[in-house]
């Protein structure tokens, strides 16, 4: 049986301690030199394991001080669209959702404008709460153009997230994100199990497949449970 590359062994070693709480938030992990000696590898190999965990949001480097465990809030990238269920499970946590609406409705002014259809056009609507270890981390309010995804409402959203369904039906070619800080109304606060005084992050996301505008979603996250990340790596 082939053993995992040594850097993956170091990465798994650190992840197990982060997830178990042995390395809590803001804990300083062992330096590269110590990990290299412990696993009998080069510093470069230890560095790769740490770099991967920094990129994935588990660790943060503080120049001159060391590398520390982050606050481990749920996190999404602004530059990519990932399946939230996979994001949650990748952190070693349990995922489930509460489906509040799954219906066909007539587009109002805002939905018609955002989705690029005429006022009163029939569109598909799903409303659900995404949970991580039972805690609400996102309220997803999504509208889909039935012309491009006619079977959308036929799916079992307790097993497959809207993202999974849309990507399978119409591979995403383009996206648009608009993010702002908001306070929510009583109903949204109740769904997210927060107070109306809790700062939230609101993301408007529109997705295209080729020339077709497929979906418009309003995603609301409690600010103390979620963060959004953007990174750009320049080469050369």
C-alpha atoms as a PDB file:
ATOM      1  CA  UNK A   1       0.000   0.000   0.000  1.00  0.00           C
ATOM      2  CA  UNK A   2       1.468   3.363  -1.059  1.00  0.00           C
ATOM      3  CA  UNK A   3       2.052   5.782   1.800  1.00  0.00           C
ATOM      4  CA  UNK A   4       0.788   9.340   1.498  1.00  0.00           C
ATOM      5  CA  UNK A   5       3.399  11.971   0.590  1.00  0.00           C
ATOM      6  CA  UNK A   6       5.196  13.243   3.677  1.00  0.00           C
ATOM      7  CA  UNK A   7       3.788  16.758   3.396  1.00  0.00           C
ATOM      8  CA  UNK A   8       0.266  15.274   3.481  1.00  0.00           C
ATOM      9  CA  UNK A   9       1.162  13.396   6.661  1.00  0.00           C
ATOM     10  CA  UNK A  10       2.209  16.694   8.264  1.00  0.00           C
ATOM     11  CA  UNK A  11      -0.909  18.405   6.970  1.00  0.00           C
ATOM     12  CA  UNK A  12      -3.153  15.663   8.393  1.00  0.00           C
ATOM     13  CA  UNK A  13      -1.280  15.791  11.704  1.00  0.00           C
ATOM     14  CA  UNK A  14      -1.971  19.517  12.023  1.00  0.00           C
ATOM     15  CA  UNK A  15      -5.587  19.218  10.828  1.00  0.00           C
ATOM     16  CA  UNK A  16      -6.384  16.530  13.392  1.00  0.00           C
ATOM     17  CA  UNK A  17      -5.146  18.771  16.193  1.00  0.00           C
ATOM     18  CA  UNK A  18      -7.016  21.800  14.898  1.00  0.00           C
ATOM     19  CA  UNK A  19     -10.285  19.889  14.512  1.00  0.00           C
ATOM     20  CA  UNK A  20      -9.998  18.179  17.897  1.00  0.00           C
ATOM     21  CA  UNK A  21      -9.397  21.499  19.651  1.00  0.00           C
ATOM     22  CA  UNK A  22      -5.908  20.545  20.795  1.00  0.00           C
ATOM     23  CA  UNK A  23      -4.774  23.521  18.709  1.00  0.00           C
ATOM     24  CA  UNK A  24      -7.513  26.107  19.459  1.00  0.00           C
ATOM     25  CA  UNK A  25      -8.106  29.432  17.718  1.00  0.00           C
ATOM     26  CA  UNK A  26      -5.003  31.681  17.806  1.00  0.00           C
ATOM     27  CA  UNK A  27      -2.798  28.771  18.950  1.00  0.00           C
ATOM     28  CA  UNK A  28       0.719  28.937  17.502  1.00  0.00           C
ATOM     29  CA  UNK A  29       1.626  25.716  15.677  1.00  0.00           C
ATOM     30  CA  UNK A  30       5.127  24.212  15.858  1.00  0.00           C
ATOM     31  CA  UNK A  31       7.635  25.980  13.580  1.00  0.00           C
ATOM     32  CA  UNK A  32       8.710  24.454  10.267  1.00  0.00           C
ATOM     33  CA  UNK A  33      12.077  23.392  11.676  1.00  0.00           C
ATOM     34  CA  UNK A  34      10.436  21.384  14.457  1.00  0.00           C
ATOM     35  CA  UNK A  35       7.949  19.713  12.095  1.00  0.00           C
ATOM     36  CA  UNK A  36      10.744  18.897   9.655  1.00  0.00           C
ATOM     37  CA  UNK A  37      12.747  17.179  12.423  1.00  0.00           C
ATOM     38  CA  UNK A  38       9.678  15.390  13.787  1.00  0.00           C
ATOM     39  CA  UNK A  39       8.759  13.900  10.400  1.00  0.00           C
ATOM     40  CA  UNK A  40      12.360  13.576   9.159  1.00  0.00           C
ATOM     41  CA  UNK A  41      11.751  15.735   6.085  1.00  0.00           C
ATOM     42  CA  UNK A  42      13.146  18.933   4.619  1.00  0.00           C
ATOM     43  CA  UNK A  43      11.908  22.360   5.686  1.00  0.00           C
ATOM     44  CA  UNK A  44      10.526  22.748   2.161  1.00  0.00           C
ATOM     45  CA  UNK A  45       8.246  19.747   2.707  1.00  0.00           C
ATOM     46  CA  UNK A  46       7.022  21.079   6.048  1.00  0.00           C
ATOM     47  CA  UNK A  47       6.532  24.493   4.457  1.00  0.00           C
ATOM     48  CA  UNK A  48       4.300  23.013   1.737  1.00  0.00           C
ATOM     49  CA  UNK A  49       1.995  21.442   4.338  1.00  0.00           C
ATOM     50  CA  UNK A  50       1.701  24.760   6.171  1.00  0.00           C
ATOM     51  CA  UNK A  51       1.178  26.716   2.925  1.00  0.00           C
ATOM     52  CA  UNK A  52      -1.702  24.439   1.969  1.00  0.00           C
ATOM     53  CA  UNK A  53      -3.421  25.017   5.329  1.00  0.00           C
ATOM     54  CA  UNK A  54      -2.879  28.767   5.066  1.00  0.00           C
ATOM     55  CA  UNK A  55      -4.440  28.747   1.584  1.00  0.00           C
ATOM     56  CA  UNK A  56      -7.398  26.682   2.850  1.00  0.00           C
ATOM     57  CA  UNK A  57      -8.016  29.134   5.695  1.00  0.00           C
ATOM     58  CA  UNK A  58      -7.003  26.980   8.670  1.00  0.00           C
ATOM     59  CA  UNK A  59      -3.788  28.867   9.456  1.00  0.00           C
ATOM     60  CA  UNK A  60      -2.505  32.411   9.172  1.00  0.00           C
ATOM     61  CA  UNK A  61       1.118  33.577   9.105  1.00  0.00           C
ATOM     62  CA  UNK A  62       2.249  36.563  11.137  1.00  0.00           C
ATOM     63  CA  UNK A  63       5.699  37.694   9.936  1.00  0.00           C
ATOM     64  CA  UNK A  64       8.270  37.595  12.713  1.00  0.00           C
ATOM     65  CA  UNK A  65       5.893  35.826  15.105  1.00  0.00           C
ATOM     66  CA  UNK A  66       4.917  32.482  13.598  1.00  0.00           C
ATOM     67  CA  UNK A  67       1.896  30.633  12.217  1.00  0.00           C
ATOM     68  CA  UNK A  68      -1.396  30.533  14.108  1.00  0.00           C
ATOM     69  CA  UNK A  69      -4.776  28.773  13.923  1.00  0.00           C
ATOM     70  CA  UNK A  70      -7.473  31.006  12.430  1.00  0.00           C
ATOM     71  CA  UNK A  71     -10.934  31.549  13.886  1.00  0.00           C
ATOM     72  CA  UNK A  72     -12.308  28.793  11.613  1.00  0.00           C
ATOM     73  CA  UNK A  73     -15.456  30.618  10.632  1.00  0.00           C
ATOM     74  CA  UNK A  74     -17.250  29.097   7.698  1.00  0.00           C
ATOM     75  CA  UNK A  75     -15.652  30.532   4.597  1.00  0.00           C
ATOM     76  CA  UNK A  76     -16.395  30.921   0.898  1.00  0.00           C
ATOM     77  CA  UNK A  77     -14.355  32.245  -1.964  1.00  0.00           C
ATOM     78  CA  UNK A  78     -15.501  35.331  -3.860  1.00  0.00           C
ATOM     79  CA  UNK A  79     -13.669  34.164  -6.981  1.00  0.00           C
ATOM     80  CA  UNK A  80     -15.199  30.693  -7.241  1.00  0.00           C
ATOM     81  CA  UNK A  81     -18.523  28.997  -6.613  1.00  0.00           C
ATOM     82  CA  UNK A  82     -18.341  25.938  -4.397  1.00  0.00           C
ATOM     83  CA  UNK A  83     -20.999  23.605  -3.105  1.00  0.00           C
ATOM     84  CA  UNK A  84     -21.652  24.740   0.466  1.00  0.00           C
ATOM     85  CA  UNK A  85     -22.281  21.152   1.588  1.00  0.00           C
ATOM     86  CA  UNK A  86     -18.811  20.148   0.384  1.00  0.00           C
ATOM     87  CA  UNK A  87     -17.276  23.218   2.062  1.00  0.00           C
ATOM     88  CA  UNK A  88     -18.809  22.250   5.392  1.00  0.00           C
ATOM     89  CA  UNK A  89     -17.781  18.597   5.120  1.00  0.00           C
ATOM     90  CA  UNK A  90     -14.247  19.547   4.079  1.00  0.00           C
ATOM     91  CA  UNK A  91     -13.902  21.200   7.495  1.00  0.00           C
ATOM     92  CA  UNK A  92     -14.842  17.904   9.137  1.00  0.00           C
ATOM     93  CA  UNK A  93     -18.295  19.175  10.155  1.00  0.00           C
ATOM     94  CA  UNK A  94     -21.826  17.957   9.594  1.00  0.00           C
ATOM     95  CA  UNK A  95     -24.044  19.535   6.925  1.00  0.00           C
ATOM     96  CA  UNK A  96     -27.821  19.668   6.595  1.00  0.00           C
ATOM     97  CA  UNK A  97     -30.421  22.138   5.347  1.00  0.00           C
ATOM     98  CA  UNK A  98     -33.973  23.223   6.080  1.00  0.00           C
ATOM     99  CA  UNK A  99     -36.075  23.714   2.948  1.00  0.00           C
ATOM    100  CA  UNK A 100     -38.532  26.575   3.499  1.00  0.00           C
ATOM    101  CA  UNK A 101     -39.838  27.148  -0.054  1.00  0.00           C
ATOM    102  CA  UNK A 102     -39.746  25.149  -3.284  1.00  0.00           C
ATOM    103  CA  UNK A 103     -42.191  26.690  -5.727  1.00  0.00           C
ATOM    104  CA  UNK A 104     -42.966  28.494  -8.954  1.00  0.00           C
ATOM    105  CA  UNK A 105     -43.787  32.208  -8.548  1.00  0.00           C
ATOM    106  CA  UNK A 106     -44.257  35.305 -10.693  1.00  0.00           C
ATOM    107  CA  UNK A 107     -41.180  37.526 -10.921  1.00  0.00           C
ATOM    108  CA  UNK A 108     -41.572  40.858  -9.123  1.00  0.00           C
ATOM    109  CA  UNK A 109     -39.687  43.999 -10.141  1.00  0.00           C
ATOM    110  CA  UNK A 110     -36.427  43.054  -8.426  1.00  0.00           C
ATOM    111  CA  UNK A 111     -36.367  39.421  -9.556  1.00  0.00           C
ATOM    112  CA  UNK A 112     -37.288  40.371 -13.123  1.00  0.00           C
ATOM    113  CA  UNK A 113     -34.459  42.903 -13.235  1.00  0.00           C
ATOM    114  CA  UNK A 114     -31.846  40.631 -11.637  1.00  0.00           C
ATOM    115  CA  UNK A 115     -32.804  37.541 -13.628  1.00  0.00           C
ATOM    116  CA  UNK A 116     -33.303  39.338 -16.941  1.00  0.00           C
ATOM    117  CA  UNK A 117     -36.935  38.317 -17.491  1.00  0.00           C
ATOM    118  CA  UNK A 118     -40.207  40.208 -17.932  1.00  0.00           C
ATOM    119  CA  UNK A 119     -42.234  41.283 -14.915  1.00  0.00           C
ATOM    120  CA  UNK A 120     -44.694  38.521 -13.999  1.00  0.00           C
ATOM    121  CA  UNK A 121     -42.726  35.755 -15.746  1.00  0.00           C
ATOM    122  CA  UNK A 122     -42.983  32.404 -13.980  1.00  0.00           C
ATOM    123  CA  UNK A 123     -39.664  31.600 -12.259  1.00  0.00           C
ATOM    124  CA  UNK A 124     -38.564  28.864  -9.894  1.00  0.00           C
ATOM    125  CA  UNK A 125     -37.928  29.831  -6.274  1.00  0.00           C
ATOM    126  CA  UNK A 126     -36.175  27.966  -3.469  1.00  0.00           C
ATOM    127  CA  UNK A 127     -35.559  29.261   0.044  1.00  0.00           C
ATOM    128  CA  UNK A 128     -33.440  27.271   2.476  1.00  0.00           C
ATOM    129  CA  UNK A 129     -31.226  27.440   5.538  1.00  0.00           C
ATOM    130  CA  UNK A 130     -27.792  25.813   5.331  1.00  0.00           C
ATOM    131  CA  UNK A 131     -26.451  24.495   8.649  1.00  0.00           C
ATOM    132  CA  UNK A 132     -22.988  23.535   9.880  1.00  0.00           C
ATOM    133  CA  UNK A 133     -23.115  21.164  12.864  1.00  0.00           C
ATOM    134  CA  UNK A 134     -26.728  22.263  13.287  1.00  0.00           C
ATOM    135  CA  UNK A 135     -25.937  26.001  13.351  1.00  0.00           C
ATOM    136  CA  UNK A 136     -27.383  28.219  10.568  1.00  0.00           C
ATOM    137  CA  UNK A 137     -24.581  29.726   8.481  1.00  0.00           C
ATOM    138  CA  UNK A 138     -26.475  30.822   5.365  1.00  0.00           C
ATOM    139  CA  UNK A 139     -29.999  31.705   4.249  1.00  0.00           C
ATOM    140  CA  UNK A 140     -30.214  31.048   0.507  1.00  0.00           C
ATOM    141  CA  UNK A 141     -33.018  32.778  -1.408  1.00  0.00           C
ATOM    142  CA  UNK A 142     -32.668  31.650  -5.035  1.00  0.00           C
ATOM    143  CA  UNK A 143     -34.539  32.330  -8.271  1.00  0.00           C
ATOM    144  CA  UNK A 144     -33.960  30.236 -11.407  1.00  0.00           C
ATOM    145  CA  UNK A 145     -35.038  30.757 -15.009  1.00  0.00           C
ATOM    146  CA  UNK A 146     -37.162  27.679 -15.887  1.00  0.00           C
ATOM    147  CA  UNK A 147     -36.287  28.057 -19.552  1.00  0.00           C
ATOM    148  CA  UNK A 148     -32.737  26.872 -18.909  1.00  0.00           C
ATOM    149  CA  UNK A 149     -33.308  24.473 -15.971  1.00  0.00           C
ATOM    150  CA  UNK A 150     -36.842  23.104 -16.494  1.00  0.00           C
ATOM    151  CA  UNK A 151     -36.463  20.241 -13.981  1.00  0.00           C
ATOM    152  CA  UNK A 152     -35.054  22.371 -11.157  1.00  0.00           C
ATOM    153  CA  UNK A 153     -37.989  21.956  -8.743  1.00  0.00           C
ATOM    154  CA  UNK A 154     -38.095  18.178  -9.284  1.00  0.00           C
ATOM    155  CA  UNK A 155     -34.851  17.689  -7.368  1.00  0.00           C
ATOM    156  CA  UNK A 156     -34.518  16.458  -3.783  1.00  0.00           C
ATOM    157  CA  UNK A 157     -32.795  19.441  -2.172  1.00  0.00           C
ATOM    158  CA  UNK A 158     -32.299  17.535   1.072  1.00  0.00           C
ATOM    159  CA  UNK A 159     -29.777  15.433  -0.866  1.00  0.00           C
ATOM    160  CA  UNK A 160     -28.457  17.868  -3.473  1.00  0.00           C
ATOM    161  CA  UNK A 161     -27.913  21.599  -2.976  1.00  0.00           C
ATOM    162  CA  UNK A 162     -29.168  24.070  -5.600  1.00  0.00           C
ATOM    163  CA  UNK A 163     -25.541  24.653  -6.566  1.00  0.00           C
ATOM    164  CA  UNK A 164     -25.077  20.955  -7.357  1.00  0.00           C
ATOM    165  CA  UNK A 165     -28.280  20.866  -9.387  1.00  0.00           C
ATOM    166  CA  UNK A 166     -27.456  23.979 -11.414  1.00  0.00           C
ATOM    167  CA  UNK A 167     -23.851  22.990 -12.142  1.00  0.00           C
ATOM    168  CA  UNK A 168     -25.001  19.562 -13.334  1.00  0.00           C
ATOM    169  CA  UNK A 169     -27.696  21.073 -15.595  1.00  0.00           C
ATOM    170  CA  UNK A 170     -25.820  24.139 -16.875  1.00  0.00           C
ATOM    171  CA  UNK A 171     -22.064  24.344 -16.204  1.00  0.00           C
ATOM    172  CA  UNK A 172     -21.271  27.811 -14.843  1.00  0.00           C
ATOM    173  CA  UNK A 173     -19.220  29.985 -17.186  1.00  0.00           C
ATOM    174  CA  UNK A 174     -19.594  33.419 -15.556  1.00  0.00           C
ATOM    175  CA  UNK A 175     -20.639  34.840 -12.217  1.00  0.00           C
ATOM    176  CA  UNK A 176     -21.245  38.140 -10.470  1.00  0.00           C
ATOM    177  CA  UNK A 177     -20.951  38.819  -6.736  1.00  0.00           C
ATOM    178  CA  UNK A 178     -22.081  41.925  -4.850  1.00  0.00           C
ATOM    179  CA  UNK A 179     -21.407  41.914  -1.091  1.00  0.00           C
ATOM    180  CA  UNK A 180     -22.603  44.310   1.596  1.00  0.00           C
ATOM    181  CA  UNK A 181     -23.015  44.458   5.369  1.00  0.00           C
ATOM    182  CA  UNK A 182     -26.671  44.421   6.466  1.00  0.00           C
ATOM    183  CA  UNK A 183     -29.031  44.095   9.398  1.00  0.00           C
ATOM    184  CA  UNK A 184     -31.886  41.663   8.843  1.00  0.00           C
ATOM    185  CA  UNK A 185     -35.596  41.697   9.540  1.00  0.00           C
ATOM    186  CA  UNK A 186     -37.347  39.702  12.262  1.00  0.00           C
ATOM    187  CA  UNK A 187     -38.193  36.740  10.019  1.00  0.00           C
ATOM    188  CA  UNK A 188     -34.651  36.370   8.675  1.00  0.00           C
ATOM    189  CA  UNK A 189     -33.224  36.715  12.188  1.00  0.00           C
ATOM    190  CA  UNK A 190     -35.553  33.951  13.366  1.00  0.00           C
ATOM    191  CA  UNK A 191     -34.488  31.643  10.529  1.00  0.00           C
ATOM    192  CA  UNK A 192     -30.785  32.292  11.223  1.00  0.00           C
ATOM    193  CA  UNK A 193     -31.273  32.052  14.998  1.00  0.00           C
ATOM    194  CA  UNK A 194     -29.760  35.477  15.656  1.00  0.00           C
ATOM    195  CA  UNK A 195     -31.053  38.868  16.805  1.00  0.00           C
ATOM    196  CA  UNK A 196     -31.872  41.717  14.452  1.00  0.00           C
ATOM    197  CA  UNK A 197     -28.882  43.579  15.918  1.00  0.00           C
ATOM    198  CA  UNK A 198     -26.426  40.940  14.627  1.00  0.00           C
ATOM    199  CA  UNK A 199     -24.346  42.252  11.686  1.00  0.00           C
ATOM    200  CA  UNK A 200     -24.723  40.053   8.612  1.00  0.00           C
ATOM    201  CA  UNK A 201     -23.057  39.650   5.253  1.00  0.00           C
ATOM    202  CA  UNK A 202     -25.362  39.744   2.249  1.00  0.00           C
ATOM    203  CA  UNK A 203     -24.151  38.464  -1.111  1.00  0.00           C
ATOM    204  CA  UNK A 204     -26.070  38.840  -4.355  1.00  0.00           C
ATOM    205  CA  UNK A 205     -24.904  36.179  -6.796  1.00  0.00           C
ATOM    206  CA  UNK A 206     -25.843  35.864 -10.443  1.00  0.00           C
ATOM    207  CA  UNK A 207     -24.603  32.987 -12.603  1.00  0.00           C
ATOM    208  CA  UNK A 208     -24.461  32.428 -16.346  1.00  0.00           C
ATOM    209  CA  UNK A 209     -23.980  29.376 -18.521  1.00  0.00           C
ATOM    210  CA  UNK A 210     -22.670  30.652 -21.819  1.00  0.00           C
ATOM    211  CA  UNK A 211     -24.951  33.523 -22.861  1.00  0.00           C
ATOM    212  CA  UNK A 212     -27.801  32.428 -20.597  1.00  0.00           C
ATOM    213  CA  UNK A 213     -28.459  34.060 -17.209  1.00  0.00           C
ATOM    214  CA  UNK A 214     -29.412  31.016 -15.144  1.00  0.00           C
ATOM    215  CA  UNK A 215     -29.831  32.037 -11.530  1.00  0.00           C
ATOM    216  CA  UNK A 216     -30.081  34.943  -9.121  1.00  0.00           C
ATOM    217  CA  UNK A 217     -29.576  34.328  -5.408  1.00  0.00           C
ATOM    218  CA  UNK A 218     -29.503  36.394  -2.232  1.00  0.00           C
ATOM    219  CA  UNK A 219     -27.248  34.715   0.321  1.00  0.00           C
ATOM    220  CA  UNK A 220     -27.332  36.015   3.909  1.00  0.00           C
ATOM    221  CA  UNK A 221     -24.730  34.972   6.498  1.00  0.00           C
ATOM    222  CA  UNK A 222     -24.437  35.873  10.209  1.00  0.00           C
ATOM    223  CA  UNK A 223     -21.249  37.938  10.327  1.00  0.00           C
ATOM    224  CA  UNK A 224     -19.878  36.161  13.393  1.00  0.00           C
ATOM    225  CA  UNK A 225     -20.182  32.740  11.742  1.00  0.00           C
ATOM    226  CA  UNK A 226     -19.003  33.378   8.212  1.00  0.00           C
ATOM    227  CA  UNK A 227     -16.289  35.051   6.186  1.00  0.00           C
ATOM    228  CA  UNK A 228     -15.665  35.636   2.491  1.00  0.00           C
ATOM    229  CA  UNK A 229     -12.218  35.294   0.997  1.00  0.00           C
ATOM    230  CA  UNK A 230     -10.576  36.555  -2.170  1.00  0.00           C
ATOM    231  CA  UNK A 231      -7.030  35.771  -3.230  1.00  0.00           C
ATOM    232  CA  UNK A 232      -4.967  36.550  -6.320  1.00  0.00           C
ATOM    233  CA  UNK A 233      -1.642  34.914  -7.068  1.00  0.00           C
ATOM    234  CA  UNK A 234       0.655  36.695  -9.506  1.00  0.00           C
ATOM    235  CA  UNK A 235       3.140  34.584 -11.414  1.00  0.00           C
ATOM    236  CA  UNK A 236       6.536  35.712 -12.589  1.00  0.00           C
END
